[in-house]
C-alpha atoms as a PDB file:
ATOM      1  CA  VAL A   1      89.565  -8.986  98.785  1.00  0.00           C
ATOM      2  CA  ASN A   2      92.911  -8.282  97.111  1.00  0.00           C
ATOM      3  CA  LYS A   3      94.809  -5.700  99.079  1.00  0.00           C
ATOM      4  CA  PRO A   4      97.494  -3.769  97.222  1.00  0.00           C
ATOM      5  CA  ASP A   5     101.020  -4.633  98.236  1.00  0.00           C
ATOM      6  CA  PRO A   6     102.164  -1.839 100.607  1.00  0.00           C
ATOM      7  CA  SER A   7     105.736  -2.089  99.332  1.00  0.00           C
ATOM      8  CA  LEU A   8     104.538  -1.427  95.761  1.00  0.00           C
ATOM      9  CA  LYS A   9     102.581   1.609  96.933  1.00  0.00           C
ATOM     10  CA  LYS A  10     105.602   2.860  98.866  1.00  0.00           C
ATOM     11  CA  GLN A  11     107.822   2.457  95.780  1.00  0.00           C
ATOM     12  CA  ARG A  12     105.261   4.239  93.571  1.00  0.00           C
ATOM     13  CA  ASP A  13     105.019   7.064  96.108  1.00  0.00           C
ATOM     14  CA  ARG A  14     108.836   7.406  96.151  1.00  0.00           C
ATOM     15  CA  GLU A  15     108.892   7.544  92.343  1.00  0.00           C
ATOM     16  CA  ASN A  16     106.093  10.123  92.182  1.00  0.00           C
ATOM     17  CA  TYR A  17     107.734  12.277  94.851  1.00  0.00           C
ATOM     18  CA  TYR A  18     111.070  12.155  93.030  1.00  0.00           C
ATOM     19  CA  LEU A  19     109.520  12.934  89.631  1.00  0.00           C
ATOM     20  CA  GLY A  20     107.685  15.872  91.174  1.00  0.00           C
ATOM     21  CA  ALA A  21     110.897  17.180  92.730  1.00  0.00           C
ATOM     22  CA  MET A  22     112.679  16.839  89.373  1.00  0.00           C
ATOM     23  CA  CYS A  23     109.958  18.813  87.591  1.00  0.00           C
ATOM     24  CA  LYS A  24     109.991  21.514  90.258  1.00  0.00           C
ATOM     25  CA  LYS A  25     113.786  21.857  89.991  1.00  0.00           C
ATOM     26  CA  LEU A  26     113.597  22.105  86.183  1.00  0.00           C
ATOM     27  CA  PHE A  27     110.936  24.787  86.503  1.00  0.00           C
ATOM     28  CA  ASP A  28     113.141  26.657  88.980  1.00  0.00           C
ATOM     29  CA  VAL A  29     116.285  26.588  86.807  1.00  0.00           C
ATOM     30  CA  THR A  30     114.359  27.654  83.692  1.00  0.00           C
ATOM     31  CA  GLY A  31     112.525  30.436  85.463  1.00  0.00           C
ATOM     32  CA  PHE A  32     109.153  28.826  84.779  1.00  0.00           C
ATOM     33  CA  HIS A  33     106.813  29.874  87.551  1.00  0.00           C
ATOM     34  CA  ALA A  34     103.132  29.013  87.490  1.00  0.00           C
ATOM     35  CA  ASN A  35     101.893  32.496  88.229  1.00  0.00           C
ATOM     36  CA  GLN A  36     100.678  33.676  84.835  1.00  0.00           C
ATOM     37  CA  SER A  37      97.344  32.919  83.209  1.00  0.00           C
ATOM     38  CA  ASN A  38      99.031  31.300  80.189  1.00  0.00           C
ATOM     39  CA  ASP A  39     101.443  29.046  82.121  1.00  0.00           C
ATOM     40  CA  LEU A  40      99.535  25.838  81.427  1.00  0.00           C
ATOM     41  CA  LYS A  41      99.617  26.660  77.712  1.00  0.00           C
ATOM     42  CA  ARG A  42     103.359  27.352  77.948  1.00  0.00           C
ATOM     43  CA  LEU A  43     103.875  24.031  79.715  1.00  0.00           C
ATOM     44  CA  GLU A  44     101.788  22.273  77.075  1.00  0.00           C
ATOM     45  CA  GLN A  45     103.972  23.806  74.347  1.00  0.00           C
ATOM     46  CA  ILE A  46     107.146  22.570  76.046  1.00  0.00           C
ATOM     47  CA  PHE A  47     105.839  18.992  75.958  1.00  0.00           C
ATOM     48  CA  ILE A  48     104.562  19.344  72.377  1.00  0.00           C
ATOM     49  CA  ASP A  49     107.955  20.631  71.215  1.00  0.00           C
ATOM     50  CA  THR A  50     109.745  17.797  73.002  1.00  0.00           C
ATOM     51  CA  ALA A  51     107.450  15.156  71.527  1.00  0.00           C
ATOM     52  CA  ALA A  52     107.776  16.663  68.042  1.00  0.00           C
ATOM     53  CA  THR A  53     111.570  16.604  68.287  1.00  0.00           C
ATOM     54  CA  ALA A  54     111.500  12.960  69.402  1.00  0.00           C
ATOM     55  CA  VAL A  55     109.264  12.007  66.469  1.00  0.00           C
ATOM     56  CA  LEU A  56     111.482  13.908  64.042  1.00  0.00           C
ATOM     57  CA  ILE A  57     114.565  12.114  65.313  1.00  0.00           C
ATOM     58  CA  GLU A  58     112.829   8.723  65.129  1.00  0.00           C
ATOM     59  CA  LYS A  59     111.389   9.290  61.632  1.00  0.00           C
ATOM     60  CA  ASN A  60     114.770  10.300  60.287  1.00  0.00           C
ATOM     61  CA  GLN A  61     116.164   6.977  61.527  1.00  0.00           C
ATOM     62  CA  MET A  62     119.362   8.637  62.569  1.00  0.00           C
ATOM     63  CA  THR A  63     122.283   6.795  64.059  1.00  0.00           C
ATOM     64  CA  GLU A  64     122.593   7.034  67.828  1.00  0.00           C
ATOM     65  CA  ASP A  65     125.443   9.519  67.450  1.00  0.00           C
ATOM     66  CA  GLN A  66     123.334  11.705  65.145  1.00  0.00           C
ATOM     67  CA  LYS A  67     120.424  11.519  67.587  1.00  0.00           C
ATOM     68  CA  ILE A  68     122.660  12.640  70.423  1.00  0.00           C
ATOM     69  CA  ARG A  69     124.086  15.550  68.413  1.00  0.00           C
ATOM     70  CA  THR A  70     120.594  16.632  67.312  1.00  0.00           C
ATOM     71  CA  ALA A  71     119.263  16.473  70.859  1.00  0.00           C
ATOM     72  CA  GLU A  72     122.256  18.403  72.185  1.00  0.00           C
ATOM     73  CA  ARG A  73     121.612  21.172  69.658  1.00  0.00           C
ATOM     74  CA  HIS A  74     118.144  21.575  71.129  1.00  0.00           C
ATOM     75  CA  VAL A  75     119.475  22.039  74.649  1.00  0.00           C
ATOM     76  CA  ARG A  76     119.515  25.801  74.967  1.00  0.00           C
ATOM     77  CA  ASN A  77     120.864  25.993  78.464  1.00  0.00           C
ATOM     78  CA  GLU A  78     123.776  24.082  79.998  1.00  0.00           C
ATOM     79  CA  ILE A  79     122.117  24.438  83.399  1.00  0.00           C
ATOM     80  CA  LEU A  80     119.359  22.060  82.264  1.00  0.00           C
ATOM     81  CA  LYS A  81     121.877  19.408  81.280  1.00  0.00           C
ATOM     82  CA  THR A  82     123.707  19.765  84.586  1.00  0.00           C
ATOM     83  CA  THR A  83     120.429  19.623  86.502  1.00  0.00           C
ATOM     84  CA  VAL A  84     119.338  16.414  84.780  1.00  0.00           C
ATOM     85  CA  GLU A  85     122.750  14.836  85.370  1.00  0.00           C
ATOM     86  CA  GLY A  86     122.277  15.671  89.037  1.00  0.00           C
ATOM     87  CA  PHE A  87     118.906  13.887  89.007  1.00  0.00           C
ATOM     88  CA  GLU A  88     120.512  10.799  87.506  1.00  0.00           C
ATOM     89  CA  GLN A  89     123.212  10.653  90.186  1.00  0.00           C
ATOM     90  CA  ASP A  90     120.983  11.590  93.130  1.00  0.00           C
ATOM     91  CA  SER A  91     121.008   8.867  95.790  1.00  0.00           C
ATOM     92  CA  ARG A  92     117.254   9.399  96.280  1.00  0.00           C
ATOM     93  CA  ASN A  93     116.570   8.521  92.633  1.00  0.00           C
ATOM     94  CA  PRO A  94     114.381   5.382  92.755  1.00  0.00           C
ATOM     95  CA  PHE A  95     115.006   4.779  89.035  1.00  0.00           C
ATOM     96  CA  LYS A  96     118.786   4.712  89.381  1.00  0.00           C
ATOM     97  CA  ALA A  97     120.288   1.403  88.297  1.00  0.00           C
ATOM     98  CA  THR A  98     122.181  -0.150  91.163  1.00  0.00           C
END
């Protein structure tokens, strides 16, 4: 019987934990709290809007600089940008290139 490699499971668990912490922090800084009956619909709309923006950028075949400027225009709150930068630099980030 093939047993899963415990180190792979441990790495996956670290990644899932970190991704969950990132999402929770983003919810905190945006004031999104799952305490309303329509919160799942609101969350769905956030992901739909993000995916639609990504498709729009890709279809327009913009240069990288244009893509960056377009994406930056959609960032409505500097706190989000700062929060994500913090995720990238966090020593616990299992996705961080070393």
